[in-house]
N, C-alpha and C. Protein backbone atom coordinates (compact mmCIF):
# COMPACT_ATOMS: atom_id res chain seq x y z
N MET A 1 -19.04 30.94 61.02
CA MET A 1 -18.27 29.90 60.90
C MET A 1 -17.90 30.60 58.75
N ASP A 2 -17.15 30.91 58.66
CA ASP A 2 -16.97 31.09 57.24
C ASP A 2 -16.77 29.73 56.18
N ALA A 3 -17.45 29.34 55.17
CA ALA A 3 -16.91 28.39 54.88
C ALA A 3 -16.29 28.31 53.90
N LEU A 4 -15.03 27.52 53.68
CA LEU A 4 -13.89 27.66 52.58
C LEU A 4 -14.23 26.53 51.91
N TYR A 5 -15.38 25.23 51.78
CA TYR A 5 -15.54 24.59 51.04
C TYR A 5 -16.58 23.79 51.66
N THR A 6 -17.92 23.28 51.16
CA THR A 6 -18.95 22.41 51.46
C THR A 6 -18.60 21.24 50.33
N ALA A 7 -18.52 19.35 51.40
CA ALA A 7 -18.77 18.35 50.31
C ALA A 7 -20.25 18.29 50.69
N VAL A 8 -20.88 17.80 49.56
CA VAL A 8 -21.92 17.52 49.53
C VAL A 8 -22.50 15.58 49.19
N ALA A 9 -22.91 15.57 49.91
CA ALA A 9 -22.90 13.82 49.29
C ALA A 9 -24.14 13.85 50.16
N THR A 10 -25.11 11.97 48.93
CA THR A 10 -26.52 11.97 49.34
C THR A 10 -26.91 10.45 49.75
N ALA A 11 -26.36 9.89 50.00
CA ALA A 11 -26.84 8.19 50.69
C ALA A 11 -28.64 7.88 51.32
N ASN A 12 -29.12 6.66 50.51
CA ASN A 12 -30.39 6.51 51.04
C ASN A 12 -30.28 4.84 51.89
N GLY A 13 -29.78 5.09 52.83
CA GLY A 13 -29.35 3.89 53.74
C GLY A 13 -28.37 3.06 53.92
N ARG A 14 -28.13 2.46 55.17
CA ARG A 14 -26.61 1.43 55.17
C ARG A 14 -26.99 0.27 54.27
N GLU A 15 -27.92 -0.25 53.26
CA GLU A 15 -27.95 -0.79 52.40
C GLU A 15 -28.37 -0.46 50.78
N GLY A 16 -27.88 0.81 50.61
CA GLY A 16 -28.09 1.48 49.61
C GLY A 16 -26.39 2.30 48.80
N ARG A 17 -26.61 3.01 48.51
CA ARG A 17 -25.59 3.69 47.86
C ARG A 17 -25.41 4.94 48.65
N ALA A 18 -24.12 5.78 48.26
CA ALA A 18 -23.22 6.31 49.06
C ALA A 18 -22.59 7.89 47.40
N VAL A 19 -23.31 8.82 47.39
CA VAL A 19 -23.11 9.88 46.09
C VAL A 19 -22.62 11.26 46.54
N SER A 20 -21.02 11.50 45.92
CA SER A 20 -20.67 12.77 46.48
C SER A 20 -21.53 13.98 45.08
N SER A 21 -21.73 14.97 45.48
CA SER A 21 -22.31 16.01 44.15
C SER A 21 -21.15 16.03 43.48
N ASP A 22 -20.08 15.70 43.51
CA ASP A 22 -18.87 15.63 41.99
C ASP A 22 -18.63 13.93 41.50
N GLY A 23 -19.01 13.46 42.32
CA GLY A 23 -19.15 12.30 41.35
C GLY A 23 -17.88 11.41 41.68
N GLN A 24 -16.98 12.16 42.69
CA GLN A 24 -15.57 10.94 43.17
C GLN A 24 -16.23 10.35 43.62
N ILE A 25 -16.77 10.01 45.07
CA ILE A 25 -17.43 9.22 45.94
C ILE A 25 -19.03 8.53 45.16
N ASP A 26 -18.90 7.49 44.61
CA ASP A 26 -19.90 6.37 44.38
C ASP A 26 -20.04 4.59 44.51
N LEU A 27 -20.32 4.81 45.92
CA LEU A 27 -19.89 3.75 47.06
C LEU A 27 -21.35 2.83 46.85
N GLN A 28 -21.22 1.41 46.86
CA GLN A 28 -22.46 0.80 47.82
C GLN A 28 -21.86 0.51 49.12
N LEU A 29 -23.28 0.61 49.57
CA LEU A 29 -23.28 0.75 50.73
C LEU A 29 -24.07 -0.88 51.58
N GLY A 30 -23.22 -1.21 52.95
CA GLY A 30 -23.59 -2.40 53.18
C GLY A 30 -23.89 -2.23 54.65
N PHE A 31 -24.31 -3.50 55.07
CA PHE A 31 -23.99 -3.92 56.59
C PHE A 31 -23.02 -4.74 57.04
N PRO A 32 -21.87 -3.93 58.21
CA PRO A 32 -21.02 -5.15 57.93
C PRO A 32 -21.22 -6.39 58.46
N ALA A 33 -20.83 -7.72 58.38
CA ALA A 33 -21.30 -9.12 58.94
C ALA A 33 -21.19 -9.29 60.76
N ALA A 34 -20.53 -8.71 61.32
CA ALA A 34 -20.77 -8.26 62.68
C ALA A 34 -22.03 -7.49 63.13
N LEU A 35 -22.76 -6.43 61.85
CA LEU A 35 -24.27 -6.29 62.57
C LEU A 35 -25.27 -7.06 61.71
N GLY A 36 -24.60 -8.05 61.56
CA GLY A 36 -25.69 -9.22 60.95
C GLY A 36 -25.62 -8.97 58.79
N GLY A 37 -25.02 -8.25 58.79
CA GLY A 37 -24.91 -8.07 57.02
C GLY A 37 -24.47 -9.01 56.03
N ASN A 38 -24.14 -8.77 55.56
CA ASN A 38 -23.34 -9.66 54.37
C ASN A 38 -21.95 -9.11 54.44
N GLY A 39 -21.51 -8.02 54.61
CA GLY A 39 -20.62 -7.57 54.68
C GLY A 39 -19.94 -6.97 52.90
N GLN A 40 -20.72 -6.58 51.46
CA GLN A 40 -21.09 -6.64 51.00
C GLN A 40 -21.19 -4.76 50.67
N GLY A 41 -20.15 -3.88 50.48
CA GLY A 41 -19.98 -2.28 50.22
C GLY A 41 -19.45 -2.43 51.74
N THR A 42 -18.94 -0.95 51.88
CA THR A 42 -18.92 0.19 52.90
C THR A 42 -19.45 0.36 53.65
N ASN A 43 -19.50 0.84 55.06
CA ASN A 43 -20.32 1.53 55.57
C ASN A 43 -20.05 2.70 56.23
N PRO A 44 -20.90 2.94 57.54
CA PRO A 44 -20.67 4.61 57.72
C PRO A 44 -19.06 4.74 58.46
N GLU A 45 -19.26 3.78 58.89
CA GLU A 45 -17.87 3.77 59.97
C GLU A 45 -16.46 3.30 59.67
N GLN A 46 -16.47 2.82 58.16
CA GLN A 46 -15.39 2.72 57.41
C GLN A 46 -15.41 4.33 56.62
N LEU A 47 -16.57 4.87 56.85
CA LEU A 47 -16.28 6.42 55.33
C LEU A 47 -15.94 7.83 57.14
N PHE A 48 -16.40 7.41 57.64
CA PHE A 48 -16.12 8.09 59.41
C PHE A 48 -14.27 7.83 59.27
N ALA A 49 -14.00 6.70 60.17
CA ALA A 49 -12.43 6.44 59.99
C ALA A 49 -11.50 7.02 58.95
N ALA A 50 -11.82 7.16 57.68
CA ALA A 50 -11.09 6.89 56.69
C ALA A 50 -11.02 8.80 56.99
N GLY A 51 -12.24 9.77 57.02
CA GLY A 51 -12.04 10.79 57.13
C GLY A 51 -11.59 11.28 58.01
N TYR A 52 -11.83 10.93 59.04
CA TYR A 52 -11.30 11.65 60.80
C TYR A 52 -9.49 10.89 60.27
N ALA A 53 -9.34 9.97 59.97
CA ALA A 53 -7.78 9.99 59.88
C ALA A 53 -6.96 10.13 58.93
N ALA A 54 -7.74 10.95 58.22
CA ALA A 54 -7.24 12.37 57.04
C ALA A 54 -6.89 13.06 57.46
N CYS A 55 -7.84 13.59 58.28
CA CYS A 55 -8.15 14.92 58.83
C CYS A 55 -6.71 14.89 59.90
N PHE A 56 -7.04 13.99 60.93
CA PHE A 56 -6.50 14.05 62.00
C PHE A 56 -4.56 13.85 61.21
N ALA A 57 -4.59 13.00 60.48
CA ALA A 57 -2.59 13.17 59.96
C ALA A 57 -2.69 14.49 59.21
N SER A 58 -3.47 15.51 58.81
CA SER A 58 -3.61 16.44 58.18
C SER A 58 -2.98 17.78 59.00
N ALA A 59 -3.78 17.99 60.14
CA ALA A 59 -3.62 18.71 61.40
C ALA A 59 -2.67 18.36 62.36
N MET A 60 -2.10 17.17 62.12
CA MET A 60 -1.22 16.88 62.87
C MET A 60 0.32 17.59 62.49
N SER A 61 0.19 17.53 60.32
CA SER A 61 1.24 18.21 59.97
C SER A 61 1.54 19.33 60.07
N ASN A 62 0.03 20.42 60.17
CA ASN A 62 0.45 21.37 60.37
C ASN A 62 0.34 22.16 62.19
N VAL A 63 0.28 21.38 62.99
CA VAL A 63 0.54 21.41 64.24
C VAL A 63 2.17 21.26 64.31
N ALA A 64 2.71 20.32 63.43
CA ALA A 64 4.35 19.90 63.69
C ALA A 64 5.27 20.86 62.61
N ARG A 65 4.33 21.73 61.90
CA ARG A 65 5.41 22.54 61.45
C ARG A 65 5.34 23.46 61.82
N GLN A 66 4.13 23.94 62.77
CA GLN A 66 4.11 24.99 63.72
C GLN A 66 5.14 25.22 64.77
N GLU A 67 5.31 23.56 65.27
CA GLU A 67 6.10 23.29 66.38
C GLU A 67 7.68 23.32 66.03
N LYS A 68 7.64 23.15 64.34
CA LYS A 68 9.27 22.90 63.95
C LYS A 68 9.60 21.17 64.17
N ILE A 69 8.22 20.73 64.36
CA ILE A 69 9.05 18.91 64.79
C ILE A 69 8.34 18.71 63.28
N ASP A 70 9.90 17.30 63.27
CA ASP A 70 9.92 16.34 61.90
C ASP A 70 8.68 15.07 62.22
N ILE A 71 7.77 15.09 60.95
CA ILE A 71 7.49 13.72 61.48
C ILE A 71 7.07 12.81 60.50
N THR A 72 8.06 12.84 59.47
CA THR A 72 8.41 12.02 58.59
C THR A 72 7.85 10.75 59.03
N ASP A 73 7.72 10.04 58.08
CA ASP A 73 6.92 8.14 58.33
C ASP A 73 6.13 8.47 59.37
N VAL A 74 4.80 9.24 60.05
CA VAL A 74 4.00 9.19 60.33
C VAL A 74 2.85 8.72 59.95
N SER A 75 2.12 8.14 60.86
CA SER A 75 0.72 7.76 60.63
C SER A 75 -0.55 7.08 60.95
N VAL A 76 -1.57 7.71 60.84
CA VAL A 76 -2.69 7.96 61.49
C VAL A 76 -3.76 6.67 61.07
N THR A 77 -4.06 6.23 62.11
CA THR A 77 -5.52 5.03 62.41
C THR A 77 -6.21 5.58 62.91
N ALA A 78 -7.77 5.58 62.43
CA ALA A 78 -8.77 5.53 63.59
C ALA A 78 -9.55 4.34 63.39
N GLU A 79 -10.10 4.04 64.59
CA GLU A 79 -10.92 2.27 64.90
C GLU A 79 -12.32 3.28 65.30
N VAL A 80 -12.81 3.08 63.90
CA VAL A 80 -14.82 3.78 64.46
C VAL A 80 -15.35 2.29 65.20
N SER A 81 -15.89 2.06 66.14
CA SER A 81 -16.55 1.47 67.03
C SER A 81 -18.17 1.81 66.81
N ILE A 82 -19.35 1.06 66.54
CA ILE A 82 -20.84 0.89 66.79
C ILE A 82 -20.78 0.64 68.19
N GLY A 83 -22.36 0.80 68.78
CA GLY A 83 -22.68 -0.16 70.09
C GLY A 83 -24.26 0.19 70.63
N LYS A 84 -24.20 -0.82 70.92
CA LYS A 84 -25.84 0.08 71.87
C LYS A 84 -25.20 1.07 72.91
N ASP A 85 -25.94 2.24 73.15
CA ASP A 85 -25.59 3.20 73.74
C ASP A 85 -26.70 3.05 75.03
N THR A 86 -26.50 3.83 75.57
CA THR A 86 -27.49 4.03 77.47
C THR A 86 -28.72 3.86 77.19
N ASP A 87 -29.52 4.70 76.20
CA ASP A 87 -30.32 4.89 76.10
C ASP A 87 -31.33 3.72 74.87
N GLY A 88 -30.49 3.04 74.41
CA GLY A 88 -31.29 2.31 73.51
C GLY A 88 -30.57 2.15 72.60
N GLY A 89 -30.28 3.56 72.24
CA GLY A 89 -30.18 3.18 70.30
C GLY A 89 -28.48 2.91 70.60
N PHE A 90 -27.81 3.54 69.54
CA PHE A 90 -26.41 3.29 69.12
C PHE A 90 -25.87 4.50 68.76
N GLY A 91 -24.23 4.10 69.47
CA GLY A 91 -23.39 5.18 69.43
C GLY A 91 -21.94 4.73 68.98
N LEU A 92 -21.30 5.86 68.83
CA LEU A 92 -19.86 5.60 68.16
C LEU A 92 -18.88 5.75 69.31
N ALA A 93 -17.30 5.34 69.05
CA ALA A 93 -16.25 5.68 70.05
C ALA A 93 -15.18 5.65 68.94
N VAL A 94 -14.02 5.82 69.18
CA VAL A 94 -13.38 6.11 68.33
C VAL A 94 -12.28 6.15 69.43
N VAL A 95 -10.83 5.20 68.56
CA VAL A 95 -9.65 5.15 68.67
C VAL A 95 -8.43 5.88 67.70
N MET A 96 -7.88 6.80 68.05
CA MET A 96 -6.67 7.24 66.96
C MET A 96 -5.79 6.78 67.35
N ARG A 97 -5.02 5.95 66.54
CA ARG A 97 -3.43 5.68 66.63
C ARG A 97 -2.84 5.76 65.88
N ALA A 98 -1.35 6.68 66.72
CA ALA A 98 -0.75 7.24 65.55
C ALA A 98 1.04 6.76 65.84
N GLU A 99 1.00 6.17 65.01
CA GLU A 99 2.60 5.15 64.42
C GLU A 99 3.41 6.41 64.44
N LEU A 100 4.22 6.55 65.48
CA LEU A 100 5.05 8.00 65.75
C LEU A 100 6.61 7.31 65.79
N PRO A 101 8.05 7.69 65.62
CA PRO A 101 8.64 7.94 65.43
C PRO A 101 9.36 7.97 66.64
N ASP A 102 10.82 7.53 66.69
CA ASP A 102 11.37 7.06 68.38
C ASP A 102 11.38 8.40 69.44
N HIS A 103 11.84 9.80 68.20
CA HIS A 103 11.78 10.44 69.19
C HIS A 103 10.30 11.61 69.49
N LEU A 104 9.82 10.72 69.46
CA LEU A 104 7.70 11.39 68.91
C LEU A 104 7.53 10.28 70.43
N GLN A 105 8.27 9.38 71.16
CA GLN A 105 7.79 8.28 71.84
C GLN A 105 7.50 9.26 73.39
N GLY A 106 6.57 8.95 74.49
CA GLY A 106 6.76 9.92 74.99
C GLY A 106 6.23 10.94 75.30
N PRO A 107 6.55 11.90 76.77
CA PRO A 107 5.93 13.26 76.37
C PRO A 107 5.84 13.99 75.17
N ALA A 108 6.67 14.11 74.40
CA ALA A 108 7.29 14.66 72.88
C ALA A 108 6.08 14.13 71.85
N GLY A 109 5.33 12.78 71.86
CA GLY A 109 4.41 12.75 71.34
C GLY A 109 2.87 12.70 71.46
N GLU A 110 2.81 12.94 73.05
CA GLU A 110 2.18 13.16 73.96
C GLU A 110 1.33 14.64 73.49
N ASP A 111 2.22 15.22 74.08
CA ASP A 111 1.75 16.60 73.16
C ASP A 111 1.53 16.93 72.14
N LEU A 112 2.13 16.69 71.00
CA LEU A 112 2.08 16.03 69.81
C LEU A 112 0.34 15.88 69.44
N LEU A 113 -0.05 14.71 69.93
CA LEU A 113 -1.35 14.58 69.87
C LEU A 113 -2.12 15.44 70.66
N ASN A 114 -2.27 15.69 71.96
CA ASN A 114 -3.24 16.51 72.74
C ASN A 114 -3.66 17.57 71.34
N LYS A 115 -2.01 18.66 70.78
CA LYS A 115 -2.65 19.70 70.24
C LYS A 115 -3.02 19.73 69.08
N THR A 116 -2.84 18.00 68.70
CA THR A 116 -2.98 17.73 66.97
C THR A 116 -5.14 17.62 67.57
N HIS A 117 -5.84 17.34 68.88
CA HIS A 117 -6.83 16.77 68.59
C HIS A 117 -7.43 18.27 69.50
N ALA A 118 -7.05 19.36 69.76
CA ALA A 118 -7.66 20.16 70.14
C ALA A 118 -7.33 21.19 68.50
N PHE A 119 -6.85 21.06 67.50
CA PHE A 119 -6.81 21.71 66.39
C PHE A 119 -7.55 20.90 65.44
N CYS A 120 -7.60 19.57 65.25
CA CYS A 120 -8.09 18.92 64.03
C CYS A 120 -9.91 19.11 64.41
N PRO A 121 -10.07 19.84 62.77
CA PRO A 121 -11.95 19.88 62.84
C PRO A 121 -13.27 18.54 63.50
N TYR A 122 -12.30 17.57 62.58
CA TYR A 122 -12.92 16.09 63.20
C TYR A 122 -13.01 15.94 64.31
N SER A 123 -12.24 16.04 65.73
CA SER A 123 -11.66 16.09 66.96
C SER A 123 -12.75 17.32 67.43
N LYS A 124 -12.90 18.47 66.97
CA LYS A 124 -13.42 20.07 67.27
C LYS A 124 -15.34 18.95 67.21
N ALA A 125 -15.58 18.44 65.67
CA ALA A 125 -17.14 18.16 66.16
C ALA A 125 -17.47 16.98 66.45
N THR A 126 -15.91 16.24 67.66
CA THR A 126 -16.57 14.89 68.20
C THR A 126 -16.76 15.00 69.89
N ARG A 127 -15.44 16.42 70.10
CA ARG A 127 -15.66 16.56 71.25
C ARG A 127 -16.70 16.66 72.28
N GLY A 128 -16.67 15.90 73.01
CA GLY A 128 -18.08 16.03 74.11
C GLY A 128 -19.49 15.09 73.64
N ASN A 129 -18.95 14.77 72.36
CA ASN A 129 -20.61 14.06 72.28
C ASN A 129 -19.99 12.36 71.83
N ILE A 130 -18.65 11.88 71.69
CA ILE A 130 -18.02 10.51 71.95
C ILE A 130 -16.72 10.62 72.12
N PRO A 131 -16.46 9.19 73.09
CA PRO A 131 -15.12 9.23 73.57
C PRO A 131 -14.19 8.90 72.22
N VAL A 132 -13.16 9.95 72.78
CA VAL A 132 -12.12 9.96 71.64
C VAL A 132 -10.68 9.59 72.03
N GLU A 133 -9.92 8.21 71.92
CA GLU A 133 -8.58 8.03 73.00
C GLU A 133 -8.08 8.07 71.95
N LEU A 134 -6.55 8.54 72.30
CA LEU A 134 -5.32 9.02 71.58
C LEU A 134 -4.43 7.84 72.17
N VAL A 135 -4.00 6.98 71.09
CA VAL A 135 -2.68 6.20 72.00
C VAL A 135 -1.62 6.38 70.48
N ILE A 136 -0.71 6.39 71.32
CA ILE A 136 1.17 6.43 71.06
C ILE A 136 1.25 5.12 70.21
N GLU A 137 2.04 4.73 69.25
CA GLU A 137 2.36 3.81 69.00
C GLU A 137 3.38 3.48 68.42
């Protein structure tokens, strides 16, 4: 791969800070209440969900443009879950929810989501590593 851009961020744990090299991100991190934390600060799952949703939506725009499909008013929501894995560690799972207009309900929308999932860099990175479910709403 020939890199076109490289993002750089540094963090010191789930209860520390995450800072990007350009200063655009400077966040306090914290465990979510569901994992025993106080919920103060964002967490890696939220950051991953935001990045994946944004990347998937942009990938969908690219696919739709190539296919000449109108995706005005489409939105994508990523739900990233963390839980105990079978090996005693932790694992992730993702549900990608695409809110599509009426003309993209059914097979047309499924085809668009599948093509987007094949094209999206985040989807490529997660393929075979974590379960990703695609849902049309």
